[in-house]
Amino acid sequence: MKVFEALTFARPLVETIFQAGANPKDVQYLEMYSEYLRLEQEGHKKVYIAAVLSEEYEITERTFYDIVKRMGRDVG
């Protein structure tokens, strides 16, 4: 399958992702966001979670906060 064919097939979903303000590359952070939600549910402070997960996923804390903000946004 060519990239063109894959995009044509997935076009409605891709358009929805862009309209939601998500970055398709954020798919690599789905596990991190799940861990964030779990740690938050356990009562950990956001600053602690940011420090731990940004180190674990080798990203800056600023990037962590940007990802959490995007992932937590309502769609539509």
N, C-alpha and C. Protein backbone atom coordinates (compact mmCIF):
# COMPACT_ATOMS: atom_id res chain seq x y z
N MET A 1 0.84 -1.17 0.00
CA MET A 1 0.00 0.00 0.00
C MET A 1 0.88 1.24 0.00
N LYS A 2 0.53 2.19 -0.78
CA LYS A 2 1.25 3.47 -0.87
C LYS A 2 0.75 4.42 0.22
N VAL A 3 1.56 5.41 0.56
CA VAL A 3 1.17 6.42 1.54
C VAL A 3 -0.12 7.11 1.09
N PHE A 4 -0.21 7.44 -0.20
CA PHE A 4 -1.40 8.08 -0.75
C PHE A 4 -2.64 7.25 -0.47
N GLU A 5 -2.55 5.96 -0.68
CA GLU A 5 -3.69 5.07 -0.46
C GLU A 5 -4.08 5.01 1.01
N ALA A 6 -3.07 4.96 1.87
CA ALA A 6 -3.34 4.90 3.31
C ALA A 6 -4.02 6.19 3.78
N LEU A 7 -3.52 7.32 3.30
CA LEU A 7 -4.12 8.60 3.68
C LEU A 7 -5.53 8.75 3.13
N THR A 8 -5.74 8.29 1.92
CA THR A 8 -7.07 8.35 1.32
C THR A 8 -8.05 7.51 2.14
N PHE A 9 -7.63 6.34 2.54
CA PHE A 9 -8.46 5.45 3.33
C PHE A 9 -8.77 6.06 4.70
N ALA A 10 -7.77 6.67 5.31
CA ALA A 10 -7.90 7.18 6.66
C ALA A 10 -8.29 8.66 6.71
N ARG A 11 -8.57 9.25 5.58
CA ARG A 11 -8.82 10.69 5.50
C ARG A 11 -9.81 11.21 6.54
N PRO A 12 -11.00 10.62 6.69
CA PRO A 12 -11.94 11.16 7.69
C PRO A 12 -11.35 11.20 9.10
N LEU A 13 -10.66 10.15 9.48
CA LEU A 13 -10.06 10.10 10.80
C LEU A 13 -8.94 11.13 10.94
N VAL A 14 -8.10 11.24 9.94
CA VAL A 14 -7.00 12.20 9.96
C VAL A 14 -7.54 13.63 10.04
N GLU A 15 -8.59 13.93 9.30
CA GLU A 15 -9.20 15.26 9.36
C GLU A 15 -9.76 15.54 10.75
N THR A 16 -10.36 14.55 11.37
CA THR A 16 -10.89 14.72 12.72
C THR A 16 -9.76 15.00 13.71
N ILE A 17 -8.66 14.30 13.55
CA ILE A 17 -7.49 14.50 14.42
C ILE A 17 -6.98 15.93 14.30
N PHE A 18 -6.84 16.43 13.07
CA PHE A 18 -6.36 17.79 12.86
C PHE A 18 -7.34 18.82 13.40
N GLN A 19 -8.64 18.60 13.20
CA GLN A 19 -9.65 19.53 13.70
C GLN A 19 -9.64 19.59 15.22
N ALA A 20 -9.27 18.50 15.85
CA ALA A 20 -9.19 18.45 17.31
C ALA A 20 -7.94 19.14 17.84
N GLY A 21 -7.05 19.52 16.94
CA GLY A 21 -5.81 20.17 17.36
C GLY A 21 -4.75 19.20 17.82
N ALA A 22 -4.94 17.93 17.53
CA ALA A 22 -3.96 16.92 17.92
C ALA A 22 -2.87 16.83 16.87
N ASN A 23 -1.75 16.37 17.30
CA ASN A 23 -0.62 16.12 16.42
C ASN A 23 -0.55 14.60 16.22
N PRO A 24 -0.61 14.13 14.98
CA PRO A 24 -0.56 12.68 14.76
C PRO A 24 0.65 12.00 15.41
N LYS A 25 1.71 12.74 15.60
CA LYS A 25 2.89 12.16 16.24
C LYS A 25 2.66 11.90 17.72
N ASP A 26 1.61 12.49 18.28
CA ASP A 26 1.31 12.29 19.70
C ASP A 26 0.95 10.85 20.01
N VAL A 27 0.70 10.05 19.01
CA VAL A 27 0.37 8.64 19.24
C VAL A 27 1.49 7.96 20.04
N GLN A 28 2.71 8.46 19.90
CA GLN A 28 3.83 7.87 20.64
C GLN A 28 3.75 8.18 22.14
N TYR A 29 2.88 9.11 22.52
CA TYR A 29 2.77 9.49 23.93
C TYR A 29 1.50 8.97 24.59
N LEU A 30 0.77 8.08 23.94
CA LEU A 30 -0.46 7.54 24.53
C LEU A 30 -0.20 6.82 25.84
N GLU A 31 0.85 6.02 25.89
CA GLU A 31 1.20 5.30 27.13
C GLU A 31 1.58 6.29 28.23
N MET A 32 2.33 7.33 27.86
CA MET A 32 2.74 8.33 28.84
C MET A 32 1.52 9.02 29.42
N TYR A 33 0.57 9.37 28.58
CA TYR A 33 -0.63 10.04 29.08
C TYR A 33 -1.45 9.11 29.97
N SER A 34 -1.50 7.84 29.62
CA SER A 34 -2.18 6.87 30.48
C SER A 34 -1.51 6.80 31.85
N GLU A 35 -0.18 6.80 31.86
CA GLU A 35 0.56 6.79 33.13
C GLU A 35 0.29 8.07 33.90
N TYR A 36 0.24 9.20 33.19
CA TYR A 36 -0.06 10.48 33.82
C TYR A 36 -1.41 10.41 34.53
N LEU A 37 -2.43 9.91 33.84
CA LEU A 37 -3.77 9.81 34.43
C LEU A 37 -3.77 8.91 35.66
N ARG A 38 -3.04 7.79 35.57
CA ARG A 38 -2.97 6.86 36.70
C ARG A 38 -2.31 7.52 37.91
N LEU A 39 -1.18 8.19 37.67
CA LEU A 39 -0.45 8.83 38.76
C LEU A 39 -1.27 9.97 39.36
N GLU A 40 -1.97 10.70 38.52
CA GLU A 40 -2.83 11.78 39.01
C GLU A 40 -3.97 11.21 39.87
N GLN A 41 -4.53 10.11 39.42
CA GLN A 41 -5.61 9.43 40.16
C GLN A 41 -5.11 8.96 41.53
N GLU A 42 -3.84 8.56 41.58
CA GLU A 42 -3.24 8.11 42.84
C GLU A 42 -2.94 9.27 43.78
N GLY A 43 -3.10 10.50 43.30
CA GLY A 43 -2.92 11.67 44.16
C GLY A 43 -1.57 12.35 44.06
N HIS A 44 -0.74 11.96 43.11
CA HIS A 44 0.57 12.61 42.95
C HIS A 44 0.40 14.01 42.38
N LYS A 45 1.29 14.90 42.75
CA LYS A 45 1.28 16.27 42.25
C LYS A 45 1.74 16.30 40.80
N LYS A 46 1.19 17.25 40.05
CA LYS A 46 1.50 17.36 38.62
C LYS A 46 2.99 17.64 38.40
N VAL A 47 3.61 18.41 39.27
CA VAL A 47 5.04 18.72 39.14
C VAL A 47 5.87 17.45 39.27
N TYR A 48 5.50 16.60 40.23
CA TYR A 48 6.21 15.32 40.40
C TYR A 48 6.01 14.43 39.18
N ILE A 49 4.78 14.34 38.72
CA ILE A 49 4.48 13.50 37.55
C ILE A 49 5.27 14.00 36.34
N ALA A 50 5.30 15.31 36.14
CA ALA A 50 6.04 15.88 35.01
C ALA A 50 7.52 15.52 35.09
N ALA A 51 8.09 15.62 36.26
CA ALA A 51 9.51 15.32 36.42
C ALA A 51 9.79 13.84 36.12
N VAL A 52 8.97 12.96 36.66
CA VAL A 52 9.19 11.52 36.49
C VAL A 52 8.98 11.10 35.03
N LEU A 53 7.85 11.49 34.45
CA LEU A 53 7.53 11.02 33.09
C LEU A 53 8.37 11.70 32.02
N SER A 54 8.74 12.96 32.23
CA SER A 54 9.58 13.60 31.22
C SER A 54 10.96 12.94 31.17
N GLU A 55 11.44 12.51 32.33
CA GLU A 55 12.72 11.79 32.36
C GLU A 55 12.57 10.41 31.72
N GLU A 56 11.49 9.72 32.08
CA GLU A 56 11.27 8.37 31.55
C GLU A 56 11.11 8.37 30.02
N TYR A 57 10.41 9.38 29.49
CA TYR A 57 10.16 9.43 28.05
C TYR A 57 11.15 10.32 27.30
N GLU A 58 12.15 10.81 28.04
CA GLU A 58 13.24 11.60 27.46
C GLU A 58 12.72 12.80 26.68
N ILE A 59 11.85 13.58 27.34
CA ILE A 59 11.34 14.82 26.79
C ILE A 59 11.51 15.89 27.85
N THR A 60 11.40 17.15 27.44
CA THR A 60 11.48 18.22 28.42
C THR A 60 10.17 18.31 29.19
N GLU A 61 10.22 18.93 30.34
CA GLU A 61 8.99 19.12 31.11
C GLU A 61 8.01 20.00 30.36
N ARG A 62 8.52 20.99 29.63
CA ARG A 62 7.65 21.87 28.83
C ARG A 62 6.91 21.04 27.79
N THR A 63 7.61 20.11 27.13
CA THR A 63 6.98 19.23 26.16
C THR A 63 5.93 18.37 26.84
N PHE A 64 6.24 17.88 28.02
CA PHE A 64 5.28 17.08 28.78
C PHE A 64 3.99 17.86 29.00
N TYR A 65 4.11 19.09 29.49
CA TYR A 65 2.93 19.90 29.76
C TYR A 65 2.14 20.19 28.47
N ASP A 66 2.85 20.42 27.37
CA ASP A 66 2.17 20.66 26.08
C ASP A 66 1.37 19.43 25.65
N ILE A 67 1.97 18.27 25.81
CA ILE A 67 1.30 17.01 25.42
C ILE A 67 0.07 16.77 26.29
N VAL A 68 0.22 16.96 27.60
CA VAL A 68 -0.90 16.76 28.52
C VAL A 68 -2.04 17.72 28.18
N LYS A 69 -1.70 18.94 27.84
CA LYS A 69 -2.73 19.93 27.48
C LYS A 69 -3.47 19.49 26.21
N ARG A 70 -2.71 19.06 25.19
CA ARG A 70 -3.34 18.61 23.93
C ARG A 70 -4.20 17.37 24.16
N MET A 71 -3.69 16.42 24.90
CA MET A 71 -4.41 15.17 25.11
C MET A 71 -5.68 15.37 25.95
N GLY A 72 -5.68 16.36 26.81
CA GLY A 72 -6.81 16.59 27.69
C GLY A 72 -7.90 17.48 27.12
N ARG A 73 -7.65 18.02 25.92
CA ARG A 73 -8.63 18.91 25.30
C ARG A 73 -9.86 18.16 24.82
N ASP A 74 -11.03 18.78 24.99
CA ASP A 74 -12.26 18.20 24.47
C ASP A 74 -12.28 18.31 22.94
N VAL A 75 -12.83 17.31 22.31
CA VAL A 75 -12.96 17.29 20.85
C VAL A 75 -14.39 17.70 20.49
N GLY A 76 -14.46 18.73 19.67
CA GLY A 76 -15.78 19.18 19.16
C GLY A 76 -16.56 19.86 20.13
